[in-house]
C-alpha atoms as a PDB file:
ATOM      1  CA  MET A   1     207.410-120.981  94.754  1.00  0.00           C
ATOM      2  CA  SER A   2     203.717-120.077  94.628  1.00  0.00           C
ATOM      3  CA  VAL A   3     204.432-116.895  96.618  1.00  0.00           C
ATOM      4  CA  TRP A   4     206.868-115.754  93.911  1.00  0.00           C
ATOM      5  CA  LYS A   5     204.322-116.501  91.195  1.00  0.00           C
ATOM      6  CA  SER A   6     201.781-114.371  93.055  1.00  0.00           C
ATOM      7  CA  VAL A   7     204.261-111.503  93.406  1.00  0.00           C
ATOM      8  CA  ILE A   8     205.173-111.655  89.708  1.00  0.00           C
ATOM      9  CA  LEU A   9     201.504-111.829  88.698  1.00  0.00           C
ATOM     10  CA  ALA A  10     200.635-108.830  90.907  1.00  0.00           C
ATOM     11  CA  ALA A  11     203.560-106.811  89.531  1.00  0.00           C
ATOM     12  CA  GLY A  12     202.547-107.645  85.954  1.00  0.00           C
ATOM     13  CA  ALA A  13     198.945-106.625  86.610  1.00  0.00           C
ATOM     14  CA  ALA A  14     200.100-103.328  88.111  1.00  0.00           C
ATOM     15  CA  LEU A  15     202.192-102.581  85.016  1.00  0.00           C
ATOM     16  CA  VAL A  16     199.289-103.373  82.684  1.00  0.00           C
ATOM     17  CA  LEU A  17     196.923-101.130  84.644  1.00  0.00           C
ATOM     18  CA  ALA A  18     199.482 -98.328  84.783  1.00  0.00           C
ATOM     19  CA  GLY A  19     199.868 -98.540  81.000  1.00  0.00           C
ATOM     20  CA  CYS A  20     196.134 -98.137  80.409  1.00  0.00           C
ATOM     21  CA  GLY A  21     196.228 -94.446  81.279  1.00  0.00           C
ATOM     22  CA  SER A  22     193.372 -92.372  82.608  1.00  0.00           C
ATOM     23  CA  THR A  23     190.224 -90.966  81.071  1.00  0.00           C
ATOM     24  CA  SER A  24     192.212 -87.921  79.953  1.00  0.00           C
ATOM     25  CA  GLY A  25     193.817 -90.108  77.306  1.00  0.00           C
ATOM     26  CA  ASP A  26     197.291 -90.499  75.905  1.00  0.00           C
ATOM     27  CA  THR A  27     198.744 -89.226  72.675  1.00  0.00           C
ATOM     28  CA  GLY A  28     201.566 -91.760  72.785  1.00  0.00           C
ATOM     29  CA  GLY A  29     204.108 -89.288  74.135  1.00  0.00           C
ATOM     30  CA  SER A  30     204.556 -87.185  77.198  1.00  0.00           C
ATOM     31  CA  GLN A  31     201.796 -84.730  76.199  1.00  0.00           C
ATOM     32  CA  SER A  32     198.291 -85.182  77.519  1.00  0.00           C
ATOM     33  CA  CYS A  33     195.312 -85.340  75.208  1.00  0.00           C
ATOM     34  CA  THR A  34     192.629 -82.654  75.256  1.00  0.00           C
ATOM     35  CA  PRO A  35     189.262 -83.667  73.757  1.00  0.00           C
ATOM     36  CA  LYS A  36     188.299 -81.578  70.740  1.00  0.00           C
ATOM     37  CA  GLY A  37     185.233 -81.116  68.595  1.00  0.00           C
ATOM     38  CA  THR A  38     182.793 -81.725  71.414  1.00  0.00           C
ATOM     39  CA  GLY A  39     179.103 -80.933  71.237  1.00  0.00           C
ATOM     40  CA  SER A  40     176.127 -80.805  73.508  1.00  0.00           C
ATOM     41  CA  GLY A  41     172.409 -81.390  73.491  1.00  0.00           C
ATOM     42  CA  THR A  42     170.248 -84.346  72.707  1.00  0.00           C
ATOM     43  CA  ALA A  43     171.948 -86.860  70.450  1.00  0.00           C
ATOM     44  CA  ALA A  44     170.297 -87.689  67.130  1.00  0.00           C
ATOM     45  CA  GLN A  45     172.342 -90.926  67.053  1.00  0.00           C
ATOM     46  CA  VAL A  46     174.135 -92.922  69.753  1.00  0.00           C
ATOM     47  CA  VAL A  47     177.099 -95.148  68.912  1.00  0.00           C
ATOM     48  CA  LYS A  48     178.039 -97.750  71.518  1.00  0.00           C
ATOM     49  CA  VAL A  49     181.739 -98.429  72.015  1.00  0.00           C
ATOM     50  CA  VAL A  50     181.722-102.104  73.002  1.00  0.00           C
ATOM     51  CA  ASN A  51     183.871-105.214  73.179  1.00  0.00           C
ATOM     52  CA  ASN A  52     183.757-107.724  70.321  1.00  0.00           C
ATOM     53  CA  PRO A  53     184.818-111.355  69.798  1.00  0.00           C
ATOM     54  CA  SER A  54     188.317-110.331  68.624  1.00  0.00           C
ATOM     55  CA  GLY A  55     188.797-108.571  71.958  1.00  0.00           C
ATOM     56  CA  THR A  56     189.767-105.174  70.559  1.00  0.00           C
ATOM     57  CA  GLY A  57     186.378-103.473  70.515  1.00  0.00           C
ATOM     58  CA  LYS A  58     183.997-102.018  67.949  1.00  0.00           C
ATOM     59  CA  TYR A  59     181.642 -99.128  67.241  1.00  0.00           C
ATOM     60  CA  ASP A  60     177.984-100.190  67.145  1.00  0.00           C
ATOM     61  CA  PRO A  61     176.681 -99.183  64.672  1.00  0.00           C
ATOM     62  CA  GLN A  62     179.777 -98.654  62.556  1.00  0.00           C
ATOM     63  CA  MET A  63     178.094 -96.042  60.314  1.00  0.00           C
ATOM     64  CA  VAL A  64     175.471 -93.440  61.255  1.00  0.00           C
ATOM     65  CA  SER A  65     173.728 -90.753  59.227  1.00  0.00           C
ATOM     66  CA  VAL A  66     172.586 -87.422  60.674  1.00  0.00           C
ATOM     67  CA  LYS A  67     171.430 -84.028  59.441  1.00  0.00           C
ATOM     68  CA  THR A  68     173.603 -80.927  59.508  1.00  0.00           C
ATOM     69  CA  GLY A  69     173.505 -79.473  63.033  1.00  0.00           C
ATOM     70  CA  ASP A  70     172.790 -82.842  64.687  1.00  0.00           C
ATOM     71  CA  THR A  71     174.790 -84.301  67.552  1.00  0.00           C
ATOM     72  CA  VAL A  72     176.246 -87.817  67.685  1.00  0.00           C
ATOM     73  CA  GLU A  73     177.050 -89.381  71.059  1.00  0.00           C
ATOM     74  CA  TRP A  74     179.509 -92.200  71.690  1.00  0.00           C
ATOM     75  CA  ASP A  75     178.685 -94.259  74.775  1.00  0.00           C
ATOM     76  CA  PHE A  76     181.775 -96.099  76.069  1.00  0.00           C
ATOM     77  CA  GLN A  77     180.581 -99.492  77.375  1.00  0.00           C
ATOM     78  CA  ASP A  78     183.690-101.699  77.034  1.00  0.00           C
ATOM     79  CA  SER A  79     184.749-102.468  80.596  1.00  0.00           C
ATOM     80  CA  ALA A  80     187.870-104.350  79.459  1.00  0.00           C
ATOM     81  CA  LEU A  81     189.696-101.738  77.357  1.00  0.00           C
ATOM     82  CA  SER A  82     190.087 -98.004  76.812  1.00  0.00           C
ATOM     83  CA  HIS A  83     189.145 -96.576  73.415  1.00  0.00           C
ATOM     84  CA  SER A  84     189.047 -93.279  71.565  1.00  0.00           C
ATOM     85  CA  VAL A  85     186.872 -91.706  68.895  1.00  0.00           C
ATOM     86  CA  THR A  86     189.395 -89.878  66.693  1.00  0.00           C
ATOM     87  CA  SER A  87     188.609 -88.350  63.293  1.00  0.00           C
ATOM     88  CA  ASP A  88     190.815 -89.713  60.529  1.00  0.00           C
ATOM     89  CA  ASP A  89     192.155 -86.206  59.888  1.00  0.00           C
ATOM     90  CA  ASN A  90     193.141 -86.058  63.602  1.00  0.00           C
ATOM     91  CA  THR A  91     191.789 -82.502  63.861  1.00  0.00           C
ATOM     92  CA  THR A  92     187.980 -82.513  63.533  1.00  0.00           C
ATOM     93  CA  PHE A  93     187.271 -84.416  66.766  1.00  0.00           C
ATOM     94  CA  ASP A  94     189.045 -86.571  69.337  1.00  0.00           C
ATOM     95  CA  SER A  95     187.601 -87.995  72.540  1.00  0.00           C
ATOM     96  CA  CYS A  96     191.052 -89.050  73.808  1.00  0.00           C
ATOM     97  CA  LEU A  97     191.186 -92.459  75.497  1.00  0.00           C
ATOM     98  CA  GLN A  98     188.064 -93.177  77.534  1.00  0.00           C
ATOM     99  CA  THR A  99     186.858 -96.027  79.724  1.00  0.00           C
ATOM    100  CA  ALA A 100     183.437 -97.562  80.372  1.00  0.00           C
ATOM    101  CA  GLY A 101     180.882 -95.040  81.583  1.00  0.00           C
ATOM    102  CA  ALA A 102     182.240 -92.094  79.583  1.00  0.00           C
ATOM    103  CA  LYS A 103     180.213 -90.311  76.930  1.00  0.00           C
ATOM    104  CA  PHE A 104     181.515 -88.103  74.122  1.00  0.00           C
ATOM    105  CA  GLN A 105     179.428 -85.879  71.846  1.00  0.00           C
ATOM    106  CA  VAL A 106     180.144 -84.081  68.596  1.00  0.00           C
ATOM    107  CA  THR A 107     177.801 -81.650  66.872  1.00  0.00           C
ATOM    108  CA  PHE A 108     178.298 -81.705  63.088  1.00  0.00           C
ATOM    109  CA  SER A 109     177.769 -78.277  61.533  1.00  0.00           C
ATOM    110  CA  ASN A 110     179.018 -79.186  58.040  1.00  0.00           C
ATOM    111  CA  ALA A 111     177.780 -81.768  55.546  1.00  0.00           C
ATOM    112  CA  GLY A 112     180.127 -84.544  54.509  1.00  0.00           C
ATOM    113  CA  SER A 113     181.543 -87.905  55.438  1.00  0.00           C
ATOM    114  CA  PHE A 114     183.561 -88.056  58.649  1.00  0.00           C
ATOM    115  CA  PRO A 115     185.545 -91.295  59.052  1.00  0.00           C
ATOM    116  CA  TYR A 116     187.011 -92.021  62.485  1.00  0.00           C
ATOM    117  CA  HIS A 117     189.017 -94.650  64.338  1.00  0.00           C
ATOM    118  CA  CYS A 118     190.297 -95.734  67.748  1.00  0.00           C
ATOM    119  CA  SER A 119     193.792 -94.347  68.277  1.00  0.00           C
ATOM    120  CA  ILE A 120     195.075 -97.615  69.775  1.00  0.00           C
ATOM    121  CA  HIS A 121     193.000-100.265  67.942  1.00  0.00           C
ATOM    122  CA  ALA A 122     193.581 -99.943  64.178  1.00  0.00           C
ATOM    123  CA  ASP A 123     190.716-102.289  63.263  1.00  0.00           C
ATOM    124  CA  MET A 124     188.141-100.094  65.039  1.00  0.00           C
ATOM    125  CA  THR A 125     186.714 -97.733  62.419  1.00  0.00           C
ATOM    126  CA  GLY A 126     183.461 -95.900  61.849  1.00  0.00           C
ATOM    127  CA  THR A 127     181.877 -93.158  59.765  1.00  0.00           C
ATOM    128  CA  VAL A 128     179.439 -90.327  60.402  1.00  0.00           C
ATOM    129  CA  LYS A 129     177.598 -89.191  57.248  1.00  0.00           C
ATOM    130  CA  VAL A 130     176.170 -85.687  57.561  1.00  0.00           C
ATOM    131  CA  GLY A 131     173.743 -84.307  54.993  1.00  0.00           C
END
């Protein structure tokens, strides 16, 4: 019986890993995700994408302020789960799903407040204030 439990456990683990996707991300359908709104250069602020006690992840810090023309970098450090950095309007920027070790940058050329979220963890939210 323990052999069958091992086989079932291995099959379940394979399905979970297959469902996680790759660093190219997943839009929830058959289309692949292409990162948008990227930037380059030295980051004025770095936001860590980390695990939290609830197990879903969080942005640390949740809110950052930068000047117009500055770059914000998200440093994906959660080794347990994939996450995204997706603007609430779904058009300004989107990192697609990323895993630990990835970095994503956005250069903000306009002033304003830019709320964002993780596309698969609804409780993960953050804001970039540009002024």
